[in-house]
C-alpha cells in the first residue's frame, strides 16, 4: 500500500496545472544591463537521474559575462519547488506550483557532480544587446511577484518554458521549426524514457488516459529536455535577412553522465500479470478462491485511484481512461459468485468479468491501440480478472 501511495504521489507530481509569465519588457522604462562582447547565453541540458522526479532530465538557461565587474555566471532554473504546508494535497489535486529561481553556475553544476548526472551546453548565437534583453526578461520573471507558475509536465515545465522565453523575448525574429513528430504520442516518448523503471512505466501507462495518445502537436516533444535540445538546433534567428543565422552557435559537454543507461524493457509487471493469470486459472480448475478473492480488491483500489484522477483532480491527462474497464471501483464488491449471493450481485459480477476480459482482447486490437495504448501487462491481467468473476456461469433464475 505504501508503494501505491508513493506511485500515486509521483504521478500527480508529474501531471499538474498551467501558468503565465510576464510579457517583455516588464516595465516600459526598465534599463537593460550593459553586457560586454564576451557575454554568452546558453541552454543547459541535464541527463536523467535515478529518482523518478529526475527520470526525464532537466533544462536551465545560463547567462555569462566573465568580462563584467564582478564577473557574471548565472543560471535561471524553472524547475524549483518548495515543500510547504499542504504540498501533497496541492500536487495530488494538480495544483503544484513551480518557480523560476536563480543560482550561480558553480552551485548548479555541483548538484549534478554529486548525483553523477551529465550536463551539456548549447551556446546561443545572440548579440550582447539580445543577451541583455533575455537577461532582463528572466530577471523580471524571477521577481517574487512573477516567479511562480502552475506546473504541467507535458505542456508547461522547465523545458517548454525555454521556447516560451525565447519566443516572448525575440518574437518574429525567432523562427521555430520543430521536427515533425505527428507519428508519435506523449505516451510513446514517456515509455522510451521509462524503459529501465518497469514499475513506474506500468504505473504511468495505467493512470494516463486518451489525451496522451493524440499525435504530438507543434514542438510537442519539447517537454523532454533532450528533445528540446534537438529542436533548438533547428531554430533560426532573423530569417530571410542578411543577418540570418542558426540559433545554436556551439555545443559542448560540460559534465559526462556517470549513470549507465538502463535497457528498455517492459519488465516484471508483465511476468507478474502472467503469473496471476495462470494462478487464477489453476484456482478455477481446483475450485479455489484465494487469489480470486484478493485480485478484485486490488483492481478495485486501482479503479478508485483512476476515477479520482479523472473526476477529482485538475489533471487533464488522466481523463477518459480506458483502463477503468478492467479496474472498475465496483470490483471492491468482490466476485459475487458465491452460493447464496443475490441474483443482481451475480449479474454485476458477470458484467465486470466480461468488461475485464473484453479489455484484455481489445488491448491487442490495432483499433483500440490507435485510441489508447495499453501496457503489455493488461492482456494477462485483464484475463486474470475475467477468471475471478467467472462470467461464463449464468446467475440462477428467479
Foldseek 3Di string as FASTA:
>chain_A
DVVVVVLLLLLLLQFADWWDFQFPPNDPPDDFDQADQQKWKKKKWKAAADDSVRLQTAIWIWIWGVVDVPTDTKIKGQAAADDDPCQSVCSSQRQGKTFIAMDGPVVVVVVCVVRQMWMKIFIFPDGSVLSRLLVSRSVRCRPPVRGITRDGLQADTRQNVVVVSCCSRQPPQKDQDADQFQVDFQLRVVLVSCQQPQVSNQSNQQQFAQVRLGGADRCSVRSRRVSSVVRLQPMWGRPPDPPIDRGTDDMDIPHHGPDDDGDGDNPDLQVVLLVLLVVLVVCVVVVHCDSLQVLLLVLLVVQVSLVCSAPVHPRPRRHNHLSCLQRPVCSNVGLQPDPPGDLVSLVVSLSSLVSLQVVLVCLPDPVSVSRRHHRSNSNSNSSSNNSSNVNVDHRDDD
